[in-house]
Amino acid sequence: MTDNVLGLLLAGGEGRRFGRPKALVEFAGSPLVEKAAGTLSAGGCHPTVVVLGASAEEVAETCSLQEAVVIVNENWREGMSTSLKAGLAEAR
């Protein structure tokens, strides 16, 4: 029997202080959300759950997240804890 380790990526913030959603920032040719999700999967996490919020449509349309379970936290404006709650609920 193999134990699965959940990879939970909270990528729902609007990046107000940064000036734009960090999920969409390119680093070494790929958006950060792709790199982070890929790193979790490559590290053996299964499933990898990505929680989106701000700019969720743009992230979903422009980023390659086929290996992940992607959910949208409609309550992202209420804080990071709502994304954590949504991600953990999906993982049950």
Protein backbone atom coordinates (compact mmCIF):
# COMPACT_ATOMS: atom_id res chain seq x y z
CA MET A 1 0.00 0.00 0.00
CA THR A 2 1.30 3.44 -0.92
CA ASP A 3 0.64 6.49 1.18
CA ASN A 4 -0.37 9.51 -0.86
CA VAL A 5 0.84 12.95 0.07
CA LEU A 6 -1.39 15.85 -0.88
CA GLY A 7 0.23 18.79 -2.62
CA LEU A 8 -1.80 21.91 -1.86
CA LEU A 9 -0.94 25.09 -3.73
CA LEU A 10 -2.69 28.27 -2.63
CA ALA A 11 -2.59 30.57 -5.66
CA GLY A 12 -5.67 32.67 -5.11
CA GLY A 13 -4.31 36.03 -4.03
CA GLU A 14 -4.46 39.14 -6.16
CA GLY A 15 -0.86 40.15 -5.39
CA ARG A 16 -1.88 43.67 -4.41
CA ARG A 17 1.53 44.62 -2.99
CA PHE A 18 3.26 42.88 -5.89
CA GLY A 19 1.10 44.70 -8.45
CA ARG A 20 -0.47 41.63 -10.09
CA PRO A 21 -1.31 38.02 -9.28
CA LYS A 22 1.93 36.17 -8.58
CA ALA A 23 0.47 33.01 -10.12
CA LEU A 24 0.84 34.65 -13.54
CA VAL A 25 4.37 35.98 -13.08
CA GLU A 26 6.79 34.34 -15.50
CA PHE A 27 9.95 32.79 -14.10
CA ALA A 28 12.40 30.92 -16.31
CA GLY A 29 9.84 30.77 -19.11
CA SER A 30 6.79 29.56 -17.19
CA PRO A 31 4.19 31.09 -14.88
CA LEU A 32 4.95 30.57 -11.19
CA VAL A 33 1.76 28.58 -10.65
CA GLU A 34 2.88 26.05 -13.29
CA LYS A 35 6.34 25.75 -11.77
CA ALA A 36 5.01 25.30 -8.26
CA ALA A 37 2.38 22.72 -9.26
CA GLY A 38 4.96 20.85 -11.32
CA THR A 39 7.40 20.84 -8.42
CA LEU A 40 4.80 19.35 -6.09
CA SER A 41 3.94 16.63 -8.62
CA ALA A 42 7.59 15.88 -9.38
CA GLY A 43 8.24 15.62 -5.65
CA GLY A 44 5.70 12.80 -5.41
CA CYS A 45 2.60 14.67 -4.28
CA HIS A 46 -0.61 13.08 -5.44
CA PRO A 47 -3.01 14.62 -5.86
CA THR A 48 -1.83 18.17 -6.36
CA VAL A 49 -4.66 20.62 -5.66
CA VAL A 50 -4.31 24.19 -6.95
CA VAL A 51 -6.64 26.76 -5.40
CA LEU A 52 -7.25 29.80 -7.59
CA GLY A 53 -9.13 32.98 -6.74
CA ALA A 54 -8.15 36.36 -8.16
CA SER A 55 -7.75 36.17 -11.94
CA ALA A 56 -8.84 32.52 -11.84
CA GLU A 57 -10.16 32.61 -15.41
CA GLU A 58 -6.93 34.06 -16.79
CA VAL A 59 -4.79 31.59 -14.85
CA ALA A 60 -6.92 28.64 -16.00
CA GLU A 61 -6.83 29.81 -19.63
CA THR A 62 -3.12 30.61 -19.84
CA CYS A 63 -1.45 28.11 -17.54
CA SER A 64 -0.84 24.41 -18.03
CA LEU A 65 -2.27 22.71 -14.97
CA GLN A 66 -3.58 19.45 -16.45
CA GLU A 67 -1.74 17.34 -13.88
CA ALA A 68 -3.49 19.16 -11.01
CA VAL A 69 -6.95 19.32 -9.56
CA VAL A 70 -7.88 22.99 -9.99
CA ILE A 71 -10.55 24.60 -7.86
CA VAL A 72 -11.69 28.20 -7.59
CA ASN A 73 -12.18 29.82 -4.22
CA GLU A 74 -14.97 32.33 -4.78
CA ASN A 75 -14.27 33.76 -1.30
CA TRP A 76 -10.61 34.62 -1.95
CA ARG A 77 -11.15 38.27 -0.93
CA GLU A 78 -11.82 37.08 2.62
CA GLY A 79 -8.24 35.88 3.07
CA MET A 80 -5.86 33.00 2.63
CA SER A 81 -7.62 30.86 5.20
CA THR A 82 -10.59 30.53 2.84
CA SER A 83 -8.29 29.12 0.15
CA LEU A 84 -6.80 26.68 2.65
CA LYS A 85 -10.28 25.60 3.71
CA ALA A 86 -11.39 25.14 0.07
CA GLY A 87 -8.28 23.13 -0.79
CA LEU A 88 -8.57 20.85 2.23
CA ALA A 89 -12.27 20.30 1.53
CA GLU A 90 -11.36 19.17 -2.00
CA ALA A 91 -8.74 16.79 -0.62
CA ARG A 92 -11.18 14.78 1.51
